[in-house]
Protein backbone atom coordinates (compact mmCIF):
# COMPACT_ATOMS: atom_id res chain seq x y z
CA MET A 1 102.89 116.48 92.10
CA ILE A 2 105.33 114.90 89.67
CA ASN A 3 107.84 116.90 87.70
CA GLU A 4 107.15 115.78 84.14
CA ASN A 5 110.52 116.98 82.85
CA LEU A 6 112.42 114.99 85.47
CA LEU A 7 110.47 111.81 84.78
CA LEU A 8 110.97 112.15 81.02
CA ASP A 9 114.74 111.76 81.50
CA GLN A 10 114.43 108.73 83.79
CA HIS A 11 115.29 105.18 82.83
CA LEU A 12 112.64 102.98 84.42
CA THR A 13 111.97 99.26 84.30
CA LEU A 14 109.59 96.77 85.84
CA SER A 15 110.44 95.93 89.42
CA PRO A 16 112.14 92.53 89.81
CA THR A 17 109.17 91.53 91.99
CA VAL A 18 106.61 92.24 89.26
CA SER A 19 105.16 89.78 86.79
CA THR A 20 102.92 90.60 83.87
CA ARG A 21 100.38 88.63 81.94
CA LYS A 22 98.96 89.78 78.64
CA GLU A 23 95.19 89.66 78.38
CA ARG A 24 92.68 90.59 75.69
CA PHE A 25 92.08 93.95 77.38
CA GLY A 26 95.80 94.72 77.83
CA ALA A 27 97.72 93.20 80.72
CA LEU A 28 97.69 92.36 84.39
CA VAL A 29 100.67 93.42 86.47
CA TYR A 30 101.20 91.90 89.90
CA ASN A 31 103.77 92.92 92.48
CA HIS A 32 104.68 89.84 94.54
CA GLU A 33 106.33 91.98 97.22
CA ASN A 34 103.43 94.27 98.14
CA ARG A 35 100.61 92.13 96.65
CA LYS A 36 99.30 94.94 94.47
CA LEU A 37 97.51 94.11 91.24
CA SER A 38 96.96 96.58 88.45
CA PHE A 39 95.35 96.47 85.03
CA ILE A 40 96.93 98.13 82.02
CA ARG A 41 94.29 98.71 79.40
CA SER A 42 96.33 100.75 76.94
CA GLU A 43 98.30 98.90 74.28
CA GLU A 44 100.37 102.06 73.83
CA LEU A 45 101.32 102.06 77.51
CA LEU A 46 102.32 98.38 77.26
CA CYS A 47 104.60 99.20 74.32
CA ILE A 48 106.13 102.10 76.24
CA ILE A 49 106.79 99.85 79.26
CA GLU A 50 108.41 97.28 76.96
CA ASP A 51 110.68 100.00 75.55
CA LEU A 52 111.55 101.03 79.12
CA ARG A 53 112.50 97.41 79.86
CA GLN A 54 114.85 97.56 76.86
CA GLY A 55 116.68 100.56 78.38
CA ALA A 56 114.95 103.56 76.81
CA SER A 57 114.30 106.71 78.81
CA VAL A 58 110.66 107.70 79.26
CA LYS A 59 111.04 110.42 76.63
CA ASP A 60 112.74 108.05 74.17
CA ALA A 61 109.97 105.47 74.67
CA LEU A 62 107.28 108.08 74.03
CA VAL A 63 109.03 109.28 70.87
CA ALA A 64 109.65 105.70 69.64
CA ASN A 65 105.94 104.95 70.02
CA ARG A 66 105.00 108.15 68.18
CA VAL A 67 102.98 109.50 71.07
CA ASP A 68 101.91 113.08 70.34
CA PRO A 69 103.68 115.40 72.83
CA SER A 70 100.29 116.85 73.83
CA ARG A 71 99.46 113.38 75.27
CA TRP A 72 102.75 112.95 77.17
CA PRO A 73 101.34 114.27 80.48
CA THR A 74 98.77 111.44 80.50
CA PHE A 75 101.44 108.79 80.00
CA VAL A 76 103.80 110.44 82.50
CA ALA A 77 100.98 110.41 85.07
CA SER A 78 100.33 106.69 84.42
CA LEU A 79 104.03 105.83 84.66
CA SER A 80 104.34 107.95 87.81
CA THR A 81 101.48 106.01 89.40
CA LEU A 82 103.09 102.69 88.46
CA LEU A 83 106.37 103.97 89.93
CA ALA A 84 104.72 105.14 93.17
CA GLN A 85 102.96 101.78 93.55
CA GLY A 86 106.19 99.81 93.12
CA PHE A 87 105.46 98.31 89.70
CA LEU A 88 108.23 100.35 88.08
CA VAL A 89 111.63 101.18 89.53
CA SER A 90 114.60 103.25 88.44
CA ALA A 91 116.69 101.16 86.05
CA GLY A 92 119.83 102.65 87.55
CA GLY A 93 121.97 100.90 84.97
CA SER A 94 121.99 97.73 87.09
CA SER A 95 121.60 94.41 85.33
CA SER A 96 120.07 93.01 88.51
CA SER A 97 116.84 94.94 87.79
CA GLN A 98 115.62 92.26 85.43
CA ALA A 99 111.90 91.66 85.78
CA VAL A 100 110.22 88.30 85.86
CA VAL A 101 107.68 88.43 83.05
CA HIS A 102 105.09 85.75 82.42
CA THR A 103 103.11 85.85 79.20
CA SER A 104 100.34 83.65 77.96
């Protein structure tokens, strides 16, 4: 079980081994290291992930995207899953955590 409060303070970003491709339904994310593919169907979640890539904490990204706090647990669970599957990693303040992003 994830600790929502701990994850809210985290600075996450896409793994350097992950590429994304926007689609009509949302986006595909592919991890070249572990060969996992995931579909992101929520435009809100895509915006939150983009804010995370820009250096925002999870909480700051949720606030910036005007997500109602009653819905935060759903987004935290989604981000936690992406973190557990290797699509997201701790930003750790390192500039080497730049993700390769492909858009079409």
